[in-house]
Amino acid sequence: MATFTFKLPDIGEGITEAEIATWRVAVGDTVKEDQPLVDVLTEKAAVEIPSPMPGKVIELRGEPGDMAAVGGPLVVLEVAGEAESPEGGKRQTAGAEAPRAAAAPKAPEPPAAPQPAAPAPSPPPATATAAARVSPLVPRAEGERPLASPAVRQRARDLGIQLSYVPGSGPAGRITHADLDAFVARRPLSGGGAVNARAKREGVEQIKIIGLRRKIAEAMQRSKQRIPHFAYVEEVDVTELEALRNHLNDNRKPDQAKLTLLPFLVRALVKAVPEHPEVNGTFDDEAGVVYRPAALHVGIAAQTPNGLVVPVVRHAETLDLWQCAAEIKRLAEAARAGKATREELSGSSITISSLGPMGGIVSTPVINAPEVAIVGVNKMIERPMVRNGQVVIRTMMNLSSSFDHRIVDGWNAAEFIQHLKRLFENPATLFMGEG
């Protein structure tokens, strides 16, 4: 057996380093050729790095959040074949072929030896760890941080579970949803009874801000530091718009996507932006240049298990209502699955922010720099309103928007939002002028 040091390959586009986002393997794992080893994050995209050859992981160079240099050591594998120097890029290609060639003639003998040997190092620690933590009242050792994905951590918070008490069955002891299910199932029986809901809580969980979450934090910080935000909030009567939306959904074709409010808002932007071009574009504050495209590329802020991303509906001016709904749905699904491409996550000229049913009364959305405007949608609510001297029940909603005050004056921002308000309150005007 020999060792092979796999180095971070050239990802392209002049990238010299990448952040280690998530390890897909742990020390002791046996990997196949092309099996994902690690997800790395560059300034432009998340990239999955596969293994160049089969082998056993004996060392991982770096922790999530660390920066890895292109050409620097990433993973050390134990492979079949003659010993090979990890130095030099050319030796890596030869090394990738040598283990496969050497493994062929030995096929009848090694399978019996490597198979028990490969799994042996990893399962015992996991088994021992789980056995040592059968009771949810026995925490991890002080300073030992439980490994879990953001989705698992959020679910644990919702369930009121401290992850330090939960044994993990995943690679390197990572806690999975199944581990949470098992913990919840046995919690009432552990320790001779239910966990005391008023028990004193101890400890502080340390969460390193890495990967997409760190990129989001950096982008938000830059936006708030460099852009003087001007917020403007207006209430809108969407009673007729909601009636139209419900009617269209009740009569849609089987192959048509269900209409939410967002396609109507995109349609309103298509109608309003030509009269308010100052809100559609980006500002290069270092060069002192504003770029105002003729096209309308609408970013749709979407929450995913890994954080906030902004897929882009390109050339929204060319889409009808149903096409827009289908594109928003497609992009949202791709973003949540982590399959949205770099092109689908960049190039927006104005962004929509919506918190859906949790939209609240008012919000102050942060501009998606280098754009100059973002339109926020708050929740709809039925409440009494006075119309023609009569108190009537209407469906109301607030638009909470932010503008770059260096580029968009307050008066112009107000005119733009009032234009959207008129379109929403008279939804037939959204479709006037169409052939």
Protein backbone atom coordinates (compact mmCIF):
# COMPACT_ATOMS: atom_id res chain seq x y z
CA MET A 1 0.00 0.00 0.00
CA ALA A 2 1.11 3.60 -0.58
CA THR A 3 -0.08 7.10 0.21
CA PHE A 4 -1.29 9.68 -2.27
CA THR A 5 -1.72 13.38 -1.46
CA PHE A 6 -4.52 14.92 -3.45
CA LYS A 7 -4.10 18.65 -4.03
CA LEU A 8 -6.80 21.23 -4.59
CA PRO A 9 -7.12 21.46 -8.39
CA ASP A 10 -7.35 24.64 -10.42
CA ILE A 11 -11.02 25.63 -10.26
CA GLY A 12 -10.63 28.18 -13.03
CA GLU A 13 -11.36 31.90 -13.51
CA GLY A 14 -8.15 32.93 -11.78
CA ILE A 15 -9.14 31.46 -8.40
CA THR A 16 -6.04 31.02 -6.20
CA GLU A 17 -7.75 29.74 -3.04
CA ALA A 18 -11.09 28.40 -1.85
CA GLU A 19 -12.81 28.00 1.50
CA ILE A 20 -13.44 24.49 2.79
CA ALA A 21 -17.20 24.44 3.25
CA THR A 22 -18.12 20.81 4.03
CA TRP A 23 -16.16 17.59 4.17
CA ARG A 24 -18.06 14.75 2.50
CA VAL A 25 -15.76 12.11 4.00
CA ALA A 26 -14.04 11.39 7.30
CA VAL A 27 -10.73 9.81 8.25
CA GLY A 28 -11.08 6.05 7.87
CA ASP A 29 -13.64 6.20 5.06
CA THR A 30 -13.07 4.15 1.93
CA VAL A 31 -13.80 6.20 -1.18
CA LYS A 32 -14.36 5.37 -4.81
CA GLU A 33 -13.05 7.21 -7.82
CA ASP A 34 -15.12 10.35 -8.52
CA GLN A 35 -16.80 10.13 -5.10
CA PRO A 36 -17.24 13.66 -3.65
CA LEU A 37 -14.56 14.47 -1.07
CA VAL A 38 -15.29 18.07 -0.12
CA ASP A 39 -17.35 21.11 -1.04
CA VAL A 40 -15.32 24.30 -1.40
CA LEU A 41 -16.58 27.83 -1.76
CA THR A 42 -15.05 30.51 -3.96
CA GLU A 43 -16.11 34.11 -4.37
CA LYS A 44 -18.37 33.04 -7.21
CA ALA A 45 -19.72 29.57 -6.54
CA ALA A 46 -19.76 26.37 -4.50
CA VAL A 47 -17.70 23.61 -6.10
CA GLU A 48 -17.80 19.87 -5.39
CA ILE A 49 -14.35 18.24 -5.48
CA PRO A 50 -14.32 14.50 -6.34
CA SER A 51 -11.66 11.93 -5.56
CA PRO A 52 -9.28 11.22 -8.47
CA MET A 53 -8.93 7.55 -7.44
CA PRO A 54 -10.18 4.93 -5.00
CA GLY A 55 -8.54 4.64 -1.61
CA LYS A 56 -8.87 5.06 2.12
CA VAL A 57 -8.86 8.51 3.74
CA ILE A 58 -6.04 8.76 6.26
CA GLU A 59 -5.79 12.55 6.62
CA LEU A 60 -7.87 15.65 5.92
CA ARG A 61 -5.91 18.88 5.56
CA GLY A 62 -8.03 21.64 7.03
CA GLU A 63 -11.27 22.28 8.87
CA PRO A 64 -14.53 23.78 7.52
CA GLY A 65 -13.93 27.51 7.25
CA ASP A 66 -10.21 27.19 6.49
CA MET A 67 -8.83 28.54 3.21
CA ALA A 68 -7.11 26.03 0.93
CA ALA A 69 -4.68 27.18 -1.74
CA VAL A 70 -4.95 25.87 -5.28
CA GLY A 71 -2.18 23.28 -5.61
CA GLY A 72 -2.01 22.83 -1.85
CA PRO A 73 -2.54 19.46 -0.11
CA LEU A 74 -6.19 18.65 0.58
CA VAL A 75 -6.63 14.92 1.30
CA VAL A 76 -4.17 12.09 1.94
CA LEU A 77 -5.34 8.70 0.68
CA GLU A 78 -4.01 5.22 1.25
CA VAL A 79 -4.02 3.57 -2.16
CA ALA A 80 -2.97 0.30 -3.74
CA GLY A 81 0.29 0.34 -5.70
CA GLU A 82 3.89 1.40 -5.28
CA ALA A 83 4.81 4.30 -3.05
CA GLU A 84 4.45 7.62 -4.75
CA SER A 85 5.72 11.07 -3.99
CA PRO A 86 2.93 13.60 -3.45
CA GLU A 87 5.09 16.36 -4.84
CA GLY A 88 4.40 17.82 -8.26
CA GLY A 89 1.23 17.98 -10.30
CA LYS A 90 2.46 15.56 -13.00
CA ARG A 91 3.05 12.74 -10.51
CA GLN A 92 -0.57 12.97 -9.37
CA THR A 93 -1.93 11.90 -12.76
CA ALA A 94 0.51 9.01 -12.97
CA GLY A 95 -0.30 8.09 -9.39
CA ALA A 96 -4.00 8.00 -10.20
CA GLU A 97 -3.35 5.32 -12.81
CA ALA A 98 -0.70 3.32 -10.97
CA PRO A 99 -2.99 2.19 -8.12
CA ARG A 100 -5.60 0.93 -10.59
CA ALA A 101 -2.97 -0.99 -12.59
CA ALA A 102 -1.45 -2.52 -9.47
CA ALA A 103 -4.80 -3.46 -8.03
CA ALA A 104 -5.82 -5.57 -11.01
CA PRO A 105 -3.47 -8.55 -10.58
CA LYS A 106 -4.02 -8.67 -6.82
CA ALA A 107 -7.79 -8.70 -7.10
CA PRO A 108 -8.25 -12.29 -5.84
CA GLU A 109 -6.26 -11.75 -2.61
CA PRO A 110 -6.70 -8.21 -1.25
CA PRO A 111 -10.52 -8.06 -1.21
CA ALA A 112 -10.66 -10.27 1.87
CA ALA A 113 -7.96 -8.32 3.70
CA PRO A 114 -8.88 -4.71 2.84
CA GLN A 115 -12.63 -5.20 3.32
CA PRO A 116 -12.51 -6.01 7.02
CA ALA A 117 -9.61 -3.60 7.52
CA ALA A 118 -11.22 -0.59 5.82
CA PRO A 119 -14.43 -0.37 7.82
CA ALA A 120 -12.81 -1.46 11.06
CA PRO A 121 -11.27 1.91 12.07
CA SER A 122 -14.42 4.01 11.52
CA PRO A 123 -17.41 2.04 12.88
CA PRO A 124 -15.91 1.24 16.31
CA PRO A 125 -15.42 4.90 17.34
CA ALA A 126 -18.96 5.74 16.23
CA THR A 127 -20.33 2.69 18.06
CA ALA A 128 -18.31 3.43 21.16
CA THR A 129 -19.36 7.06 21.08
CA ALA A 130 -23.03 6.17 20.74
CA ALA A 131 -22.77 3.62 23.52
CA ALA A 132 -21.15 6.12 25.84
CA ARG A 133 -24.00 8.53 25.22
CA VAL A 134 -27.05 6.33 25.46
CA SER A 135 -28.56 8.67 28.00
CA PRO A 136 -29.44 12.15 26.71
CA LEU A 137 -28.39 13.49 30.12
CA VAL A 138 -24.73 12.65 29.50
CA PRO A 139 -23.20 15.55 27.55
CA ARG A 140 -20.11 15.55 25.38
CA ALA A 141 -16.76 16.33 26.88
CA GLU A 142 -16.15 20.00 27.61
CA GLY A 143 -15.04 21.82 24.47
CA GLU A 144 -16.26 19.07 22.11
CA ARG A 145 -18.53 20.70 19.56
CA PRO A 146 -21.30 18.52 18.11
CA LEU A 147 -21.21 18.22 14.33
CA ALA A 148 -24.51 18.82 12.53
CA SER A 149 -25.88 20.51 9.43
CA PRO A 150 -27.72 23.87 9.72
CA ALA A 151 -31.04 22.08 9.08
CA VAL A 152 -30.42 19.63 11.91
CA ARG A 153 -29.39 22.46 14.25
CA GLN A 154 -32.55 24.42 13.43
CA ARG A 155 -34.73 21.37 14.03
CA ALA A 156 -32.98 20.71 17.34
CA ARG A 157 -33.68 24.30 18.41
CA ASP A 158 -37.34 23.88 17.43
CA LEU A 159 -37.52 20.70 19.52
CA GLY A 160 -35.71 22.28 22.45
CA ILE A 161 -32.85 19.76 22.22
CA GLN A 162 -29.24 20.53 23.13
CA LEU A 163 -27.08 18.84 20.53
CA SER A 164 -24.32 18.24 23.06
CA TYR A 165 -26.51 15.46 24.50
CA VAL A 166 -27.31 13.78 21.18
CA PRO A 167 -25.09 10.92 19.92
CA GLY A 168 -24.25 11.16 16.24
CA SER A 169 -24.20 8.19 13.88
CA GLY A 170 -22.91 10.03 10.79
CA PRO A 171 -19.31 10.39 9.57
CA ALA A 172 -17.02 11.70 12.32
CA GLY A 173 -19.96 11.52 14.73
CA ARG A 174 -22.11 13.97 12.75
CA ILE A 175 -25.67 14.22 14.07
CA THR A 176 -28.39 13.40 11.56
CA HIS A 177 -32.18 13.83 11.52
CA ALA A 178 -32.44 10.12 12.34
CA ASP A 179 -30.32 10.71 15.46
CA LEU A 180 -32.74 13.46 16.54
CA ASP A 181 -35.68 11.08 15.98
CA ALA A 182 -33.98 8.40 18.07
CA PHE A 183 -33.17 10.90 20.81
CA VAL A 184 -36.75 12.15 20.97
CA ALA A 185 -38.10 8.59 20.98
CA ARG A 186 -36.04 7.49 23.98
CA ARG A 187 -35.95 10.77 25.90
CA PRO A 188 -39.02 10.09 28.05
CA LEU A 189 -37.55 6.70 29.12
CA SER A 190 -33.98 7.80 29.81
CA GLY A 191 -32.83 8.21 33.38
CA GLY A 192 -36.01 6.57 34.71
CA GLY A 193 -38.36 9.32 33.54
CA ALA A 194 -38.91 12.42 31.46
CA VAL A 195 -36.29 15.15 31.28
CA ASN A 196 -37.06 17.95 33.71
CA ALA A 197 -38.37 20.83 31.61
CA ARG A 198 -37.13 23.26 34.28
CA ALA A 199 -33.65 21.80 34.53
CA LYS A 200 -30.88 24.35 34.60
CA ARG A 201 -29.26 24.77 31.20
CA GLU A 202 -25.50 24.97 31.03
CA GLY A 203 -22.88 25.57 28.38
CA VAL A 204 -22.47 27.76 25.34
CA GLU A 205 -22.57 26.40 21.80
CA GLN A 206 -19.85 27.80 19.57
CA ILE A 207 -20.87 28.07 15.94
CA LYS A 208 -18.16 28.95 13.47
CA ILE A 209 -19.47 31.15 10.67
CA ILE A 210 -18.25 29.43 7.52
CA GLY A 211 -19.23 28.64 3.95
CA LEU A 212 -22.32 30.27 2.50
CA ARG A 213 -23.28 31.75 5.87
CA ARG A 214 -19.98 33.63 5.99
CA LYS A 215 -20.43 34.85 2.41
CA ILE A 216 -23.91 36.10 3.32
CA ALA A 217 -22.55 37.87 6.39
CA GLU A 218 -19.76 39.53 4.41
CA ALA A 219 -22.16 40.65 1.67
CA MET A 220 -24.64 42.09 4.18
CA GLN A 221 -21.87 43.92 6.04
CA ARG A 222 -20.49 45.44 2.85
CA SER A 223 -23.96 46.50 1.77
CA LYS A 224 -24.79 48.23 5.05
CA GLN A 225 -21.35 49.81 5.38
CA ARG A 226 -21.14 51.19 1.86
CA ILE A 227 -24.74 51.91 0.91
CA PRO A 228 -26.78 54.64 2.61
CA HIS A 229 -30.14 52.89 2.77
CA PHE A 230 -33.36 54.87 2.37
CA ALA A 231 -36.44 52.91 3.48
CA TYR A 232 -39.97 53.56 2.26
CA VAL A 233 -43.12 51.72 3.39
CA GLU A 234 -46.58 51.94 1.85
CA GLU A 235 -49.77 49.96 2.47
CA VAL A 236 -51.56 48.48 -0.52
CA ASP A 237 -55.13 47.25 -0.92
CA VAL A 238 -54.74 43.87 -2.64
CA THR A 239 -58.34 42.71 -2.38
CA GLU A 240 -58.96 42.72 -6.15
CA LEU A 241 -55.50 41.34 -6.86
CA GLU A 242 -56.10 38.41 -4.51
CA ALA A 243 -59.50 37.74 -6.10
CA LEU A 244 -57.85 37.65 -9.54
CA ARG A 245 -55.04 35.41 -8.33
CA ASN A 246 -57.47 32.92 -6.77
CA HIS A 247 -59.64 32.93 -9.90
CA LEU A 248 -56.66 32.24 -12.16
CA ASN A 249 -55.43 29.44 -9.90
CA ASP A 250 -58.89 27.84 -9.87
CA ASN A 251 -58.89 27.82 -13.67
CA ARG A 252 -55.26 27.04 -14.45
CA LYS A 253 -54.20 24.17 -16.66
CA PRO A 254 -52.62 21.06 -15.10
CA ASP A 255 -49.20 21.97 -16.52
CA GLN A 256 -49.30 25.55 -15.23
CA ALA A 257 -47.53 26.53 -12.00
CA LYS A 258 -49.64 27.82 -9.16
CA LEU A 259 -49.61 31.60 -8.95
CA THR A 260 -48.23 33.25 -5.83
CA LEU A 261 -47.99 36.99 -5.35
CA LEU A 262 -44.45 37.12 -6.74
CA PRO A 263 -45.30 36.75 -10.47
CA PHE A 264 -47.72 39.66 -10.12
CA LEU A 265 -45.02 41.76 -8.45
CA VAL A 266 -42.57 40.89 -11.23
CA ARG A 267 -45.24 41.88 -13.73
CA ALA A 268 -45.72 45.19 -11.88
CA LEU A 269 -41.97 45.82 -12.06
CA VAL A 270 -42.05 45.18 -15.81
CA LYS A 271 -44.73 47.88 -16.15
CA ALA A 272 -43.27 50.42 -13.69
CA VAL A 273 -39.49 50.25 -14.18
CA PRO A 274 -39.44 51.87 -17.67
CA GLU A 275 -40.91 55.01 -16.08
CA HIS A 276 -38.48 54.80 -13.14
CA PRO A 277 -35.22 53.55 -14.67
CA GLU A 278 -33.16 54.84 -11.75
CA VAL A 279 -34.26 51.88 -9.57
CA ASN A 280 -33.14 49.20 -12.03
CA GLY A 281 -29.41 48.72 -12.21
CA THR A 282 -26.14 48.50 -10.34
CA PHE A 283 -23.70 51.07 -8.99
CA ASP A 284 -19.92 50.63 -9.17
CA ASP A 285 -19.04 53.08 -6.41
CA GLU A 286 -15.30 52.68 -6.97
CA ALA A 287 -15.52 53.63 -10.63
CA GLY A 288 -18.39 56.06 -10.01
CA VAL A 289 -20.52 54.46 -12.73
CA VAL A 290 -24.19 53.42 -12.69
CA TYR A 291 -25.18 50.62 -15.06
CA ARG A 292 -28.84 50.65 -16.11
CA PRO A 293 -29.71 47.68 -18.34
CA ALA A 294 -32.59 47.87 -20.77
CA ALA A 295 -33.58 44.38 -19.61
CA LEU A 296 -35.19 43.56 -16.28
CA HIS A 297 -33.35 40.81 -14.39
CA VAL A 298 -35.25 40.25 -11.13
CA GLY A 299 -33.53 38.61 -8.18
CA ILE A 300 -35.83 36.57 -5.94
CA ALA A 301 -34.43 36.27 -2.41
CA ALA A 302 -34.93 32.64 -1.39
CA GLN A 303 -34.31 30.93 1.94
CA THR A 304 -32.55 27.58 1.63
CA PRO A 305 -31.24 25.06 4.21
CA ASN A 306 -27.79 26.60 3.74
CA GLY A 307 -28.84 30.24 3.94
CA LEU A 308 -30.16 33.07 1.82
CA VAL A 309 -29.50 33.01 -1.93
CA VAL A 310 -30.85 35.14 -4.78
CA PRO A 311 -31.68 33.25 -7.99
CA VAL A 312 -32.42 35.51 -10.95
CA VAL A 313 -35.40 35.62 -13.31
CA ARG A 314 -33.69 36.86 -16.45
CA HIS A 315 -35.42 39.07 -19.01
CA ALA A 316 -38.61 39.20 -16.98
CA GLU A 317 -40.03 41.58 -19.58
CA THR A 318 -40.34 38.65 -22.01
CA LEU A 319 -42.36 36.38 -19.69
CA ASP A 320 -46.10 36.19 -19.25
CA LEU A 321 -47.62 35.57 -15.82
CA TRP A 322 -47.57 31.78 -16.06
CA GLN A 323 -44.07 31.61 -17.50
CA CYS A 324 -42.84 33.86 -14.72
CA ALA A 325 -44.48 31.64 -12.08
CA ALA A 326 -42.89 28.53 -13.60
CA GLU A 327 -39.44 30.15 -13.71
CA ILE A 328 -39.67 31.35 -10.10
CA LYS A 329 -40.68 27.85 -9.00
CA ARG A 330 -37.87 26.22 -10.99
CA LEU A 331 -35.23 28.57 -9.62
CA ALA A 332 -36.46 28.24 -6.03
CA GLU A 333 -36.35 24.44 -6.21
CA ALA A 334 -32.86 24.48 -7.73
CA ALA A 335 -31.64 26.88 -5.04
CA ARG A 336 -33.05 24.80 -2.17
CA ALA A 337 -31.51 21.65 -3.62
CA GLY A 338 -28.15 23.42 -4.01
CA LYS A 339 -28.23 22.85 -7.77
CA ALA A 340 -28.60 26.45 -8.98
CA THR A 341 -25.81 27.40 -11.37
CA ARG A 342 -23.51 30.39 -11.05
CA GLU A 343 -25.37 32.10 -13.90
CA GLU A 344 -28.71 31.54 -12.15
CA LEU A 345 -27.40 33.17 -8.98
CA SER A 346 -25.88 36.33 -10.46
CA GLY A 347 -26.66 39.28 -12.70
CA SER A 348 -29.82 40.67 -11.10
CA SER A 349 -30.68 44.35 -11.60
CA ILE A 350 -33.34 44.65 -8.85
CA THR A 351 -34.37 42.23 -6.11
CA ILE A 352 -37.63 41.16 -4.48
CA SER A 353 -37.62 40.09 -0.83
CA SER A 354 -40.57 38.15 0.58
CA LEU A 355 -40.97 36.38 3.90
CA GLY A 356 -44.25 34.79 2.85
CA PRO A 357 -46.74 34.23 5.69
CA MET A 358 -44.12 35.44 8.20
CA GLY A 359 -43.74 38.74 6.36
CA GLY A 360 -44.67 40.83 9.38
CA ILE A 361 -46.08 44.32 9.21
CA VAL A 362 -42.91 46.16 8.20
CA SER A 363 -39.40 45.08 7.26
CA THR A 364 -36.22 46.91 6.27
CA PRO A 365 -34.65 44.74 3.54
CA VAL A 366 -30.93 45.08 2.88
CA ILE A 367 -30.03 46.03 -0.67
CA ASN A 368 -28.44 43.25 -2.71
CA ALA A 369 -25.29 45.17 -3.62
CA PRO A 370 -24.30 46.46 -6.12
CA GLU A 371 -27.99 46.95 -6.96
CA VAL A 372 -29.67 50.20 -5.94
CA ALA A 373 -33.15 48.99 -4.92
CA ILE A 374 -34.96 46.11 -3.26
CA VAL A 375 -38.73 45.69 -2.94
CA GLY A 376 -39.96 43.87 0.17
CA VAL A 377 -43.34 42.16 0.48
CA ASN A 378 -45.05 41.86 3.87
CA LYS A 379 -47.90 39.58 4.86
CA MET A 380 -51.50 40.10 3.78
CA ILE A 381 -54.15 40.66 6.41
CA GLU A 382 -57.85 41.37 6.36
CA ARG A 383 -58.80 44.44 8.37
CA PRO A 384 -61.49 47.15 8.43
CA MET A 385 -60.96 50.08 6.08
CA VAL A 386 -63.05 53.13 5.28
CA ARG A 387 -64.18 53.31 1.64
CA ASN A 388 -66.71 55.88 0.45
CA GLY A 389 -67.68 56.63 4.03
CA GLN A 390 -68.36 52.97 4.84
CA VAL A 391 -66.32 50.59 7.00
CA VAL A 392 -65.53 47.51 4.91
CA ILE A 393 -63.19 44.52 5.26
CA ARG A 394 -60.29 44.68 2.81
CA THR A 395 -57.16 42.60 2.25
CA MET A 396 -54.18 44.85 2.98
CA MET A 397 -50.45 44.41 2.55
CA ASN A 398 -47.41 46.61 3.05
CA LEU A 399 -44.55 47.09 0.60
CA SER A 400 -41.33 47.72 2.54
CA SER A 401 -38.52 48.76 0.23
CA SER A 402 -34.98 50.10 0.44
CA PHE A 403 -33.05 52.29 -1.98
CA ASP A 404 -29.45 53.44 -2.40
CA HIS A 405 -29.84 57.11 -1.47
CA ARG A 406 -26.70 58.00 -3.44
CA ILE A 407 -28.51 57.07 -6.66
CA VAL A 408 -32.24 57.15 -5.92
CA ASP A 409 -33.73 60.27 -4.37
CA GLY A 410 -36.46 59.87 -1.79
CA TRP A 411 -39.06 61.50 -4.03
CA ASN A 412 -38.25 59.17 -6.92
CA ALA A 413 -38.39 56.14 -4.61
CA ALA A 414 -41.83 57.20 -3.36
CA GLU A 415 -43.09 57.74 -6.93
CA PHE A 416 -41.91 54.26 -7.89
CA ILE A 417 -43.67 52.56 -4.96
CA GLN A 418 -46.83 54.57 -5.58
CA HIS A 419 -46.77 53.32 -9.17
CA LEU A 420 -46.59 49.73 -7.93
CA LYS A 421 -49.45 50.48 -5.54
CA ARG A 422 -51.69 51.72 -8.37
CA LEU A 423 -50.94 48.63 -10.44
CA PHE A 424 -51.72 46.30 -7.53
CA GLU A 425 -54.94 48.07 -6.62
CA ASN A 426 -56.08 48.04 -10.26
CA PRO A 427 -54.78 44.63 -11.42
CA ALA A 428 -56.27 44.88 -14.92
CA THR A 429 -53.66 47.55 -15.67
CA LEU A 430 -50.95 44.91 -15.21
CA PHE A 431 -52.01 43.45 -18.55
CA MET A 432 -52.92 46.56 -20.54
CA GLY A 433 -50.99 47.03 -23.76
CA GLU A 434 -50.40 43.31 -24.28
CA GLY A 435 -51.26 41.82 -27.66
